[in-house]
């Protein structure tokens, strides 16, 4: 990854809003660069700091491709070079946005199917919010199943908006199942184990009322490295494959983590 995009490759944008879900988890919106294009699921690079010491980090867009703003979700890492500047950011402040978007966590990486599973841990939810905010996906699938695993219930970002998405996309063929999972707050959600375990023992399929099959199920995964590794192994052993040499697969993973 190019850690320092040159001046002609980025624009200066302003912060429009900031929402703190917890002291270390926030979502924020910025102005959108003129001509900036992306596919739901893509990420770009954000830059903070003085000219001679700009720190760049990749962040997935949570906004829909048609939105006039860009939205991102971030965890503040104590002592982190980017986080220490991000936590000081206020509405009206400036940051740099790479003019390009990147990534392979897009629906067009997948073969046609009936059910789309979106499996996220933590801030891995971001690209899936973008996908669900995009009207196109509601036309292409019969079922949309969003699974979001966090440690504490306060970390279930966009929870109310997600629950309201079916109404927003009223009339679309797809039906949404939203399955929040809180692992360290007993009783907060019906399921409390890690996603790989819930898949392995069948509880996730039961909760979604949707059996997994290579023929009909398509899965997208974004989260911590252990989640991605375990699910890649689990699904690969059951016949699922990623896009290879232009041949659409049945699963897709984000690669920038």
Protein backbone atom coordinates (compact mmCIF):
# COMPACT_ATOMS: atom_id res chain seq x y z
CA UNK A 1 0.00 0.00 0.00
CA UNK A 2 1.27 3.47 -0.88
CA UNK A 3 1.43 5.09 2.57
CA UNK A 4 1.79 8.65 1.33
CA UNK A 5 -0.33 9.57 -1.69
CA UNK A 6 1.14 12.53 -3.54
CA UNK A 7 -0.64 15.89 -3.61
CA UNK A 8 -2.32 15.35 -6.96
CA UNK A 9 -3.90 12.15 -5.68
CA UNK A 10 -5.88 13.61 -2.77
CA UNK A 11 -8.30 16.41 -1.94
CA UNK A 12 -8.93 18.38 1.24
CA UNK A 13 -12.41 17.76 2.66
CA UNK A 14 -14.32 19.01 5.69
CA UNK A 15 -15.88 17.10 8.56
CA UNK A 16 -19.67 17.42 8.46
CA UNK A 17 -20.64 15.43 11.56
CA UNK A 18 -19.20 13.14 14.23
CA UNK A 19 -21.07 10.57 16.32
CA UNK A 20 -19.38 8.86 19.29
CA UNK A 21 -20.96 5.47 20.00
CA UNK A 22 -18.48 4.83 22.81
CA UNK A 23 -15.40 6.74 24.02
CA UNK A 24 -13.32 4.82 21.44
CA UNK A 25 -15.80 4.12 18.61
CA UNK A 26 -17.00 6.86 16.30
CA UNK A 27 -18.58 7.42 12.92
CA UNK A 28 -18.05 10.60 10.96
CA UNK A 29 -19.15 12.19 7.72
CA UNK A 30 -17.10 14.38 5.40
CA UNK A 31 -17.75 16.33 2.25
CA UNK A 32 -17.36 14.23 -0.87
CA UNK A 33 -14.61 15.10 -3.36
CA UNK A 34 -15.90 16.24 -6.73
CA UNK A 35 -15.76 13.32 -9.13
CA UNK A 36 -15.08 10.73 -6.39
CA UNK A 37 -16.51 7.36 -7.44
CA UNK A 38 -16.70 4.07 -5.59
CA UNK A 39 -18.55 0.78 -5.48
CA UNK A 40 -20.32 -0.20 -2.25
CA UNK A 41 -17.74 -2.17 -0.23
CA UNK A 42 -14.73 -0.14 -1.38
CA UNK A 43 -12.30 1.72 0.86
CA UNK A 44 -10.17 4.80 0.41
CA UNK A 45 -7.27 6.42 2.32
CA UNK A 46 -7.69 9.27 4.78
CA UNK A 47 -4.85 11.54 5.78
CA UNK A 48 -4.38 13.61 8.95
CA UNK A 49 -1.50 15.80 10.05
CA UNK A 50 0.78 18.57 8.90
CA UNK A 51 2.10 18.56 5.34
CA UNK A 52 5.48 17.16 6.28
CA UNK A 53 4.06 14.44 8.53
CA UNK A 54 0.71 13.29 7.15
CA UNK A 55 -0.46 9.91 8.47
CA UNK A 56 -2.58 7.86 6.04
CA UNK A 57 -4.94 5.02 6.91
CA UNK A 58 -7.43 2.96 4.86
CA UNK A 59 -11.12 3.27 5.77
CA UNK A 60 -14.12 1.68 4.10
CA UNK A 61 -16.94 3.91 2.97
CA UNK A 62 -20.13 3.31 4.94
CA UNK A 63 -22.05 5.80 2.82
CA UNK A 64 -23.93 4.66 -0.26
CA UNK A 65 -22.33 5.27 -3.67
CA UNK A 66 -25.04 7.82 -4.46
CA UNK A 67 -24.75 9.82 -1.21
CA UNK A 68 -23.46 13.39 -1.41
CA UNK A 69 -21.22 12.80 1.63
CA UNK A 70 -18.70 10.16 2.69
CA UNK A 71 -19.13 8.29 5.97
CA UNK A 72 -16.62 6.20 7.91
CA UNK A 73 -16.40 4.19 11.14
CA UNK A 74 -13.26 4.10 13.26
CA UNK A 75 -11.85 2.80 16.52
CA UNK A 76 -9.53 5.11 18.43
CA UNK A 77 -6.35 3.23 19.29
CA UNK A 78 -4.55 4.70 22.33
CA UNK A 79 -1.26 6.21 21.20
CA UNK A 80 -1.98 5.49 17.53
CA UNK A 81 -0.43 7.97 15.13
CA UNK A 82 -3.71 8.41 13.24
CA UNK A 83 -6.07 7.90 16.19
CA UNK A 84 -4.47 10.60 18.33
CA UNK A 85 -5.27 13.11 15.61
CA UNK A 86 -8.67 11.64 14.78
CA UNK A 87 -9.94 11.99 18.35
CA UNK A 88 -9.21 15.74 18.22
CA UNK A 89 -11.17 16.19 15.00
CA UNK A 90 -14.20 18.48 15.19
CA UNK A 91 -16.99 19.44 12.79
CA UNK A 92 -15.57 21.90 10.27
CA UNK A 93 -12.02 20.56 10.52
CA UNK A 94 -10.19 19.35 7.42
CA UNK A 95 -8.71 16.01 6.43
CA UNK A 96 -7.31 14.56 3.23
CA UNK A 97 -9.16 12.03 1.11
CA UNK A 98 -7.47 9.93 -1.55
CA UNK A 99 -9.12 10.48 -4.93
CA UNK A 100 -9.22 6.72 -5.62
CA UNK A 101 -11.19 3.85 -4.08
CA UNK A 102 -9.98 0.28 -3.70
CA UNK A 103 -10.93 -3.23 -2.63
CA UNK A 104 -12.51 -6.54 -3.53
CA UNK A 105 -15.33 -6.67 -0.98
CA UNK A 106 -17.98 -5.90 -3.59
CA UNK A 107 -21.06 -7.79 -4.68
CA UNK A 108 -19.79 -7.97 -8.26
CA UNK A 109 -17.05 -10.33 -7.04
CA UNK A 110 -19.73 -12.94 -6.36
CA UNK A 111 -21.55 -15.39 -8.58
CA UNK A 112 -25.33 -14.86 -8.73
CA UNK A 113 -27.13 -16.28 -5.71
CA UNK A 114 -30.30 -16.04 -3.62
CA UNK A 115 -29.00 -15.25 -0.13
CA UNK A 116 -26.31 -12.70 0.70
CA UNK A 117 -24.61 -13.14 4.08
CA UNK A 118 -22.67 -10.14 5.41
CA UNK A 119 -20.47 -11.25 8.32
CA UNK A 120 -18.74 -8.50 10.30
CA UNK A 121 -16.88 -7.98 13.54
CA UNK A 122 -16.35 -4.52 15.01
CA UNK A 123 -15.75 -1.78 12.45
CA UNK A 124 -15.90 -4.41 9.70
CA UNK A 125 -19.56 -3.40 9.60
CA UNK A 126 -18.73 -0.25 7.62
CA UNK A 127 -18.62 -1.62 4.06
CA UNK A 128 -21.75 -3.67 4.68
CA UNK A 129 -23.69 -0.58 5.71
CA UNK A 130 -22.64 0.91 2.38
CA UNK A 131 -23.86 -2.19 0.56
CA UNK A 132 -27.20 -2.19 2.40
CA UNK A 133 -27.70 1.53 1.80
CA UNK A 134 -27.34 0.87 -1.94
CA UNK A 135 -30.73 0.09 -3.48
CA UNK A 136 -29.23 -2.29 -6.06
CA UNK A 137 -28.50 -5.12 -3.63
CA UNK A 138 -32.14 -5.17 -2.51
CA UNK A 139 -33.12 -6.02 -6.07
CA UNK A 140 -30.53 -8.74 -6.64
CA UNK A 141 -31.14 -11.06 -3.66
CA UNK A 142 -34.10 -12.70 -1.96
CA UNK A 143 -32.46 -12.61 1.48
CA UNK A 144 -29.95 -10.23 3.02
CA UNK A 145 -28.45 -11.50 6.28
CA UNK A 146 -26.32 -9.07 8.26
CA UNK A 147 -24.39 -10.53 11.20
CA UNK A 148 -22.48 -8.04 13.37
CA UNK A 149 -20.36 -9.23 16.29
CA UNK A 150 -19.11 -6.83 18.99
CA UNK A 151 -18.00 -7.05 22.61
CA UNK A 152 -20.47 -4.56 24.13
CA UNK A 153 -23.96 -3.58 22.95
CA UNK A 154 -23.00 0.10 22.69
CA UNK A 155 -20.69 -0.90 19.83
CA UNK A 156 -23.64 -1.93 17.62
CA UNK A 157 -23.25 1.12 15.40
CA UNK A 158 -26.15 2.17 13.14
CA UNK A 159 -28.36 -0.38 14.90
CA UNK A 160 -31.58 1.63 14.57
CA UNK A 161 -30.90 2.60 10.95
CA UNK A 162 -30.17 -1.01 10.02
CA UNK A 163 -33.43 -2.15 11.59
CA UNK A 164 -35.28 0.50 9.57
CA UNK A 165 -33.66 -0.34 6.22
CA UNK A 166 -36.45 -2.66 5.01
CA UNK A 167 -38.90 0.25 5.30
CA UNK A 168 -36.48 2.55 3.50
CA UNK A 169 -36.25 0.05 0.66
CA UNK A 170 -39.94 -0.79 0.76
CA UNK A 171 -41.17 -2.70 -2.26
CA UNK A 172 -37.78 -4.29 -2.97
CA UNK A 173 -37.76 -8.10 -3.29
CA UNK A 174 -35.10 -8.74 -0.63
CA UNK A 175 -35.89 -9.51 2.99
CA UNK A 176 -33.37 -8.43 5.65
CA UNK A 177 -32.37 -10.46 8.70
CA UNK A 178 -30.23 -8.44 11.14
CA UNK A 179 -28.43 -10.56 13.71
CA UNK A 180 -26.44 -8.56 16.29
CA UNK A 181 -24.07 -10.57 18.49
CA UNK A 182 -22.68 -9.20 21.77
CA UNK A 183 -19.99 -11.47 23.20
CA UNK A 184 -19.10 -9.85 26.54
CA UNK A 185 -22.39 -8.56 27.91
CA UNK A 186 -24.48 -11.52 29.07
CA UNK A 187 -28.08 -11.43 27.90
CA UNK A 188 -27.66 -8.48 25.54
CA UNK A 189 -28.41 -10.54 22.43
CA UNK A 190 -29.84 -13.97 21.71
CA UNK A 191 -26.46 -15.16 20.40
CA UNK A 192 -23.22 -14.45 22.23
CA UNK A 193 -20.53 -16.72 20.75
CA UNK A 194 -18.02 -15.91 18.02
CA UNK A 195 -19.26 -16.07 14.42
CA UNK A 196 -17.09 -19.07 13.38
CA UNK A 197 -18.46 -21.15 16.26
CA UNK A 198 -22.04 -20.12 15.51
CA UNK A 199 -21.58 -21.16 11.90
CA UNK A 200 -19.88 -24.43 12.78
CA UNK A 201 -22.62 -25.61 15.13
CA UNK A 202 -25.49 -24.40 12.95
CA UNK A 203 -26.89 -21.80 15.36
CA UNK A 204 -26.36 -18.93 12.93
CA UNK A 205 -28.27 -20.67 10.15
CA UNK A 206 -31.09 -21.36 12.59
CA UNK A 207 -31.19 -17.73 13.75
CA UNK A 208 -31.31 -16.54 10.15
CA UNK A 209 -33.78 -19.25 9.15
CA UNK A 210 -31.64 -19.76 6.09
CA UNK A 211 -29.52 -22.87 5.43
CA UNK A 212 -26.12 -22.35 3.83
CA UNK A 213 -25.55 -23.87 0.42
CA UNK A 214 -22.88 -23.34 -2.22
CA UNK A 215 -25.62 -23.12 -4.84
CA UNK A 216 -27.61 -20.31 -3.22
CA UNK A 217 -25.58 -18.65 -0.46
CA UNK A 218 -23.04 -15.88 -1.02
CA UNK A 219 -20.88 -14.69 1.87
CA UNK A 220 -18.89 -11.52 2.47
CA UNK A 221 -16.59 -11.20 5.47
CA UNK A 222 -14.96 -8.13 7.03
CA UNK A 223 -13.43 -7.98 10.47
CA UNK A 224 -10.42 -8.96 12.50
CA UNK A 225 -7.76 -11.23 10.93
CA UNK A 226 -8.74 -14.26 13.03
CA UNK A 227 -12.34 -14.04 11.87
CA UNK A 228 -11.29 -13.83 8.23
CA UNK A 229 -8.84 -16.72 8.54
CA UNK A 230 -11.23 -19.02 10.37
CA UNK A 231 -14.13 -18.34 8.03
CA UNK A 232 -11.99 -18.73 4.93
CA UNK A 233 -10.90 -22.16 6.17
CA UNK A 234 -14.41 -23.16 7.28
CA UNK A 235 -16.12 -22.10 4.06
CA UNK A 236 -13.32 -23.30 1.81
CA UNK A 237 -13.63 -26.78 3.29
CA UNK A 238 -17.31 -26.73 2.32
CA UNK A 239 -16.73 -25.86 -1.29
CA UNK A 240 -16.93 -22.06 -1.27
CA UNK A 241 -14.35 -20.16 -3.31
CA UNK A 242 -13.30 -16.55 -3.85
CA UNK A 243 -13.17 -14.82 -7.24
CA UNK A 244 -10.36 -16.40 -9.27
CA UNK A 245 -9.07 -15.16 -12.60
CA UNK A 246 -12.30 -13.33 -13.25
CA UNK A 247 -14.51 -16.29 -12.34
CA UNK A 248 -17.00 -15.07 -9.70
CA UNK A 249 -16.90 -16.98 -6.42
CA UNK A 250 -19.26 -17.66 -3.55
CA UNK A 251 -17.38 -15.67 -0.89
CA UNK A 252 -15.43 -12.41 -0.65
CA UNK A 253 -13.06 -11.01 1.97
CA UNK A 254 -11.57 -7.59 2.58
CA UNK A 255 -7.80 -7.69 2.05
CA UNK A 256 -6.54 -4.37 3.40
CA UNK A 257 -6.72 -5.20 7.13
